[in-house]
PDB file of N, CA and C in Angstrom:
ATOM      1  N   MET A   1      -7.190 -13.176 -11.039  1.00  0.00           N
ATOM      2  CA  MET A   1      -6.874 -12.056 -10.657  1.00  0.00           C
ATOM      3  C   MET A   1      -5.866 -11.985  -9.742  1.00  0.00           C
ATOM      4  N   GLU A   2      -4.583 -11.467  -9.632  1.00  0.00           N
ATOM      5  CA  GLU A   2      -3.570 -11.466  -8.621  1.00  0.00           C
ATOM      6  C   GLU A   2      -3.968 -10.582  -7.378  1.00  0.00           C
ATOM      7  N   ILE A   3      -3.374 -11.229  -6.381  1.00  0.00           N
ATOM      8  CA  ILE A   3      -3.532 -10.329  -5.111  1.00  0.00           C
ATOM      9  C   ILE A   3      -2.016 -10.060  -4.669  1.00  0.00           C
ATOM     10  N   TRP A   4      -1.802  -8.650  -4.379  1.00  0.00           N
ATOM     11  CA  TRP A   4      -0.746  -8.311  -3.815  1.00  0.00           C
ATOM     12  C   TRP A   4      -0.629  -7.689  -2.593  1.00  0.00           C
ATOM     13  N   TYR A   5       0.606  -7.677  -1.830  1.00  0.00           N
ATOM     14  CA  TYR A   5       0.294  -7.179  -0.415  1.00  0.00           C
ATOM     15  C   TYR A   5       1.546  -6.070  -0.192  1.00  0.00           C
ATOM     16  N   TYR A   6       1.260  -4.992   0.348  1.00  0.00           N
ATOM     17  CA  TYR A   6       2.112  -3.960   0.532  1.00  0.00           C
ATOM     18  C   TYR A   6       2.097  -3.604   2.114  1.00  0.00           C
ATOM     19  N   GLU A   7       3.233  -2.642   2.513  1.00  0.00           N
ATOM     20  CA  GLU A   7       3.370  -2.079   3.722  1.00  0.00           C
ATOM     21  C   GLU A   7       3.563  -0.700   3.458  1.00  0.00           C
ATOM     22  N   VAL A   8       2.813   0.291   4.252  1.00  0.00           N
ATOM     23  CA  VAL A   8       3.001   1.810   4.136  1.00  0.00           C
ATOM     24  C   VAL A   8       4.300   2.126   4.626  1.00  0.00           C
ATOM     25  N   VAL A   9       5.146   2.546   3.852  1.00  0.00           N
ATOM     26  CA  VAL A   9       6.727   2.966   4.395  1.00  0.00           C
ATOM     27  C   VAL A   9       6.695   4.358   4.893  1.00  0.00           C
ATOM     28  N   SER A  10       6.045   5.406   4.168  1.00  0.00           N
ATOM     29  CA  SER A  10       6.034   6.771   4.449  1.00  0.00           C
ATOM     30  C   SER A  10       4.796   7.415   3.831  1.00  0.00           C
ATOM     31  N   ILE A  11       4.315   8.296   4.456  1.00  0.00           N
ATOM     32  CA  ILE A  11       3.286   9.200   3.932  1.00  0.00           C
ATOM     33  C   ILE A  11       3.730  10.641   3.868  1.00  0.00           C
ATOM     34  N   ASP A  12       3.677  11.140   2.766  1.00  0.00           N
ATOM     35  CA  ASP A  12       3.973  12.596   2.368  1.00  0.00           C
ATOM     36  C   ASP A  12       2.846  13.318   1.820  1.00  0.00           C
ATOM     37  N   GLY A  13       2.164  13.966   2.637  1.00  0.00           N
ATOM     38  CA  GLY A  13       0.982  14.853   1.965  1.00  0.00           C
ATOM     39  C   GLY A  13      -0.044  13.874   1.672  1.00  0.00           C
ATOM     40  N   ASP A  14      -0.364  14.052   0.199  1.00  0.00           N
ATOM     41  CA  ASP A  14      -1.302  13.576  -0.556  1.00  0.00           C
ATOM     42  C   ASP A  14      -0.869  11.894  -1.146  1.00  0.00           C
ATOM     43  N   TYR A  15       0.131  11.611  -0.764  1.00  0.00           N
ATOM     44  CA  TYR A  15       0.776  10.391  -1.505  1.00  0.00           C
ATOM     45  C   TYR A  15       1.444   9.521  -0.171  1.00  0.00           C
ATOM     46  N   ALA A  16       1.313   8.172  -0.538  1.00  0.00           N
ATOM     47  CA  ALA A  16       1.971   7.301   0.290  1.00  0.00           C
ATOM     48  C   ALA A  16       2.965   6.456  -0.389  1.00  0.00           C
ATOM     49  N   ASN A  17       4.119   6.018   0.113  1.00  0.00           N
ATOM     50  CA  ASN A  17       5.186   5.237  -0.505  1.00  0.00           C
ATOM     51  C   ASN A  17       4.840   3.755   0.221  1.00  0.00           C
ATOM     52  N   LEU A  18       4.731   2.719  -0.796  1.00  0.00           N
ATOM     53  CA  LEU A  18       4.247   1.419  -0.292  1.00  0.00           C
ATOM     54  C   LEU A  18       5.468   0.574  -0.859  1.00  0.00           C
ATOM     55  N   ARG A  19       5.681  -0.404  -0.120  1.00  0.00           N
ATOM     56  CA  ARG A  19       6.727  -1.359  -0.344  1.00  0.00           C
ATOM     57  C   ARG A  19       6.110  -2.767  -0.300  1.00  0.00           C
ATOM     58  N   ARG A  20       6.189  -3.533  -1.325  1.00  0.00           N
ATOM     59  CA  ARG A  20       5.767  -4.890  -1.778  1.00  0.00           C
ATOM     60  C   ARG A  20       6.168  -5.875  -0.740  1.00  0.00           C
ATOM     61  N   THR A  21       5.417  -6.622  -0.047  1.00  0.00           N
ATOM     62  CA  THR A  21       5.861  -7.537   1.192  1.00  0.00           C
ATOM     63  C   THR A  21       5.726  -9.166   0.616  1.00  0.00           C
ATOM     64  N   ASP A  22       4.930  -9.404  -0.485  1.00  0.00           N
ATOM     65  CA  ASP A  22       4.651 -10.737  -0.768  1.00  0.00           C
ATOM     66  C   ASP A  22       5.796 -11.354  -1.564  1.00  0.00           C
ATOM     67  N   ILE A  23       6.748 -10.348  -2.422  1.00  0.00           N
ATOM     68  CA  ILE A  23       7.962 -10.761  -3.154  1.00  0.00           C
ATOM     69  C   ILE A  23       9.080  -9.748  -2.688  1.00  0.00           C
ATOM     70  N   GLN A  24      10.258 -10.114  -2.927  1.00  0.00           N
ATOM     71  CA  GLN A  24      11.346  -9.268  -2.719  1.00  0.00           C
ATOM     72  C   GLN A  24      11.656  -8.205  -3.522  1.00  0.00           C
ATOM     73  N   LEU A  25      11.134  -7.106  -3.414  1.00  0.00           N
ATOM     74  CA  LEU A  25      11.380  -5.960  -4.213  1.00  0.00           C
ATOM     75  C   LEU A  25      12.075  -4.575  -3.550  1.00  0.00           C
ATOM     76  N   ASP A  26      13.050  -3.826  -3.989  1.00  0.00           N
ATOM     77  CA  ASP A  26      13.546  -2.781  -3.246  1.00  0.00           C
ATOM     78  C   ASP A  26      12.965  -1.539  -3.747  1.00  0.00           C
ATOM     79  N   ASP A  27      12.057  -1.620  -4.764  1.00  0.00           N
ATOM     80  CA  ASP A  27      11.293  -0.321  -5.303  1.00  0.00           C
ATOM     81  C   ASP A  27      10.385  -0.093  -4.411  1.00  0.00           C
ATOM     82  N   LEU A  28       9.939   1.159  -4.299  1.00  0.00           N
ATOM     83  CA  LEU A  28       8.675   1.745  -3.467  1.00  0.00           C
ATOM     84  C   LEU A  28       7.820   2.204  -4.691  1.00  0.00           C
ATOM     85  N   LYS A  29       6.646   2.048  -4.355  1.00  0.00           N
ATOM     86  CA  LYS A  29       5.351   2.480  -5.062  1.00  0.00           C
ATOM     87  C   LYS A  29       4.748   3.600  -4.617  1.00  0.00           C
ATOM     88  N   LEU A  30       4.623   4.748  -5.203  1.00  0.00           N
ATOM     89  CA  LEU A  30       3.847   5.976  -4.984  1.00  0.00           C
ATOM     90  C   LEU A  30       2.525   5.948  -5.334  1.00  0.00           C
ATOM     91  N   VAL A  31       1.836   6.070  -4.211  1.00  0.00           N
ATOM     92  CA  VAL A  31       0.301   5.916  -4.470  1.00  0.00           C
ATOM     93  C   VAL A  31      -0.448   7.103  -3.894  1.00  0.00           C
ATOM     94  N   ALA A  32      -1.539   7.809  -4.691  1.00  0.00           N
ATOM     95  CA  ALA A  32      -2.249   8.744  -4.045  1.00  0.00           C
ATOM     96  C   ALA A  32      -3.029   8.186  -2.852  1.00  0.00           C
ATOM     97  N   ARG A  33      -3.099   9.024  -1.738  1.00  0.00           N
ATOM     98  CA  ARG A  33      -3.922   8.620  -0.495  1.00  0.00           C
ATOM     99  C   ARG A  33      -5.445   8.549  -0.740  1.00  0.00           C
ATOM    100  N   ALA A  34      -5.721   9.334  -1.947  1.00  0.00           N
ATOM    101  CA  ALA A  34      -7.161   8.958  -2.247  1.00  0.00           C
ATOM    102  C   ALA A  34      -7.664   7.762  -2.669  1.00  0.00           C
ATOM    103  N   LEU A  35      -6.502   6.841  -3.255  1.00  0.00           N
ATOM    104  CA  LEU A  35      -6.777   5.552  -3.563  1.00  0.00           C
ATOM    105  C   LEU A  35      -6.665   4.464  -2.484  1.00  0.00           C
ATOM    106  N   LEU A  36      -6.216   5.027  -1.201  1.00  0.00           N
ATOM    107  CA  LEU A  36      -6.002   4.030   0.024  1.00  0.00           C
ATOM    108  C   LEU A  36      -7.072   4.266   1.119  1.00  0.00           C
ATOM    109  N   PRO A  37      -7.068   3.232   1.783  1.00  0.00           N
ATOM    110  CA  PRO A  37      -8.078   3.336   3.166  1.00  0.00           C
ATOM    111  C   PRO A  37      -7.628   4.582   3.911  1.00  0.00           C
ATOM    112  N   PRO A  38      -8.583   5.378   4.374  1.00  0.00           N
ATOM    113  CA  PRO A  38      -8.451   6.564   4.997  1.00  0.00           C
ATOM    114  C   PRO A  38      -7.645   6.350   6.306  1.00  0.00           C
ATOM    115  N   GLU A  39      -7.653   5.214   7.021  1.00  0.00           N
ATOM    116  CA  GLU A  39      -7.092   4.931   8.296  1.00  0.00           C
ATOM    117  C   GLU A  39      -5.744   4.561   8.157  1.00  0.00           C
ATOM    118  N   ILE A  40      -5.180   4.519   7.068  1.00  0.00           N
ATOM    119  CA  ILE A  40      -3.725   4.005   6.932  1.00  0.00           C
ATOM    120  C   ILE A  40      -2.774   4.915   7.827  1.00  0.00           C
ATOM    121  N   THR A  41      -1.770   4.217   8.242  1.00  0.00           N
ATOM    122  CA  THR A  41      -0.688   4.899   9.092  1.00  0.00           C
ATOM    123  C   THR A  41       0.646   4.293   8.539  1.00  0.00           C
ATOM    124  N   VAL A  42       1.771   4.858   8.948  1.00  0.00           N
ATOM    125  CA  VAL A  42       3.011   4.309   8.701  1.00  0.00           C
ATOM    126  C   VAL A  42       2.998   2.965   9.275  1.00  0.00           C
ATOM    127  N   GLY A  43       3.456   1.931   8.474  1.00  0.00           N
ATOM    128  CA  GLY A  43       3.429   0.510   8.921  1.00  0.00           C
ATOM    129  C   GLY A  43       2.087  -0.221   8.708  1.00  0.00           C
ATOM    130  N   SER A  44       1.223   0.149   8.179  1.00  0.00           N
ATOM    131  CA  SER A  44       0.045  -0.434   8.107  1.00  0.00           C
ATOM    132  C   SER A  44       0.150  -1.295   6.677  1.00  0.00           C
ATOM    133  N   LYS A  45      -0.707  -2.433   6.923  1.00  0.00           N
ATOM    134  CA  LYS A  45      -0.596  -3.552   5.853  1.00  0.00           C
ATOM    135  C   LYS A  45      -1.802  -3.417   4.842  1.00  0.00           C
ATOM    136  N   LEU A  46      -1.352  -3.442   3.646  1.00  0.00           N
ATOM    137  CA  LEU A  46      -2.523  -3.314   2.656  1.00  0.00           C
ATOM    138  C   LEU A  46      -2.561  -4.576   1.696  1.00  0.00           C
ATOM    139  N   LYS A  47      -3.735  -4.961   1.354  1.00  0.00           N
ATOM    140  CA  LYS A  47      -4.125  -5.824   0.094  1.00  0.00           C
ATOM    141  C   LYS A  47      -4.561  -5.176  -1.050  1.00  0.00           C
ATOM    142  N   TYR A  48      -4.050  -5.349  -2.221  1.00  0.00           N
ATOM    143  CA  TYR A  48      -4.292  -4.951  -3.490  1.00  0.00           C
ATOM    144  C   TYR A  48      -5.112  -5.835  -4.368  1.00  0.00           C
ATOM    145  N   GLU A  49      -6.297  -5.971  -4.597  1.00  0.00           N
ATOM    146  CA  GLU A  49      -6.957  -6.846  -5.275  1.00  0.00           C
ATOM    147  C   GLU A  49      -8.078  -6.063  -6.275  1.00  0.00           C
ATOM    148  N   LEU A  50      -8.219  -6.581  -7.354  1.00  0.00           N
ATOM    149  CA  LEU A  50      -9.126  -6.075  -8.314  1.00  0.00           C
ATOM    150  C   LEU A  50      -9.162  -4.502  -8.451  1.00  0.00           C
ATOM    151  N   LEU A  51      -7.942  -3.985  -8.376  1.00  0.00           N
ATOM    152  CA  LEU A  51      -7.751  -2.635  -8.654  1.00  0.00           C
ATOM    153  C   LEU A  51      -8.177  -1.724  -7.327  1.00  0.00           C
ATOM    154  N   GLN A  52      -8.238  -2.357  -6.243  1.00  0.00           N
ATOM    155  CA  GLN A  52      -8.468  -1.639  -5.009  1.00  0.00           C
ATOM    156  C   GLN A  52      -7.579  -2.114  -3.799  1.00  0.00           C
ATOM    157  N   TYR A  53      -7.430  -0.936  -2.829  1.00  0.00           N
ATOM    158  CA  TYR A  53      -6.396  -1.416  -1.880  1.00  0.00           C
ATOM    159  C   TYR A  53      -7.348  -1.518  -0.681  1.00  0.00           C
ATOM    160  N   GLU A  54      -7.152  -2.207   0.371  1.00  0.00           N
ATOM    161  CA  GLU A  54      -7.798  -2.461   1.565  1.00  0.00           C
ATOM    162  C   GLU A  54      -6.961  -2.960   2.581  1.00  0.00           C
ATOM    163  N   MET A  55      -7.298  -2.747   3.805  1.00  0.00           N
ATOM    164  CA  MET A  55      -6.507  -3.200   4.859  1.00  0.00           C
ATOM    165  C   MET A  55      -6.338  -4.594   4.899  1.00  0.00           C
ATOM    166  N   ALA A  56      -5.009  -5.081   5.224  1.00  0.00           N
ATOM    167  CA  ALA A  56      -4.787  -6.593   5.382  1.00  0.00           C
ATOM    168  C   ALA A  56      -5.046  -7.045   6.549  1.00  0.00           C
ATOM    169  N   GLU A  57      -5.386  -8.222   6.940  1.00  0.00           N
ATOM    170  CA  GLU A  57      -5.658  -8.760   8.332  1.00  0.00           C
ATOM    171  C   GLU A  57      -4.498  -9.325   8.702  1.00  0.00           C
TER     172      GLU A  57
END
């Protein structure tokens, strides 16, 4: 299973825009905040593995 890394670019109500940081992409991914850790803020680093997001170290 692959592991992907993201940074929270913006938060808009119940959604957050994520930018992939492990590869160069210009596209943002819109994700429901219910799927993300509750403590995220703009600039938070996330790891996506096994269909789950968690705070990256």
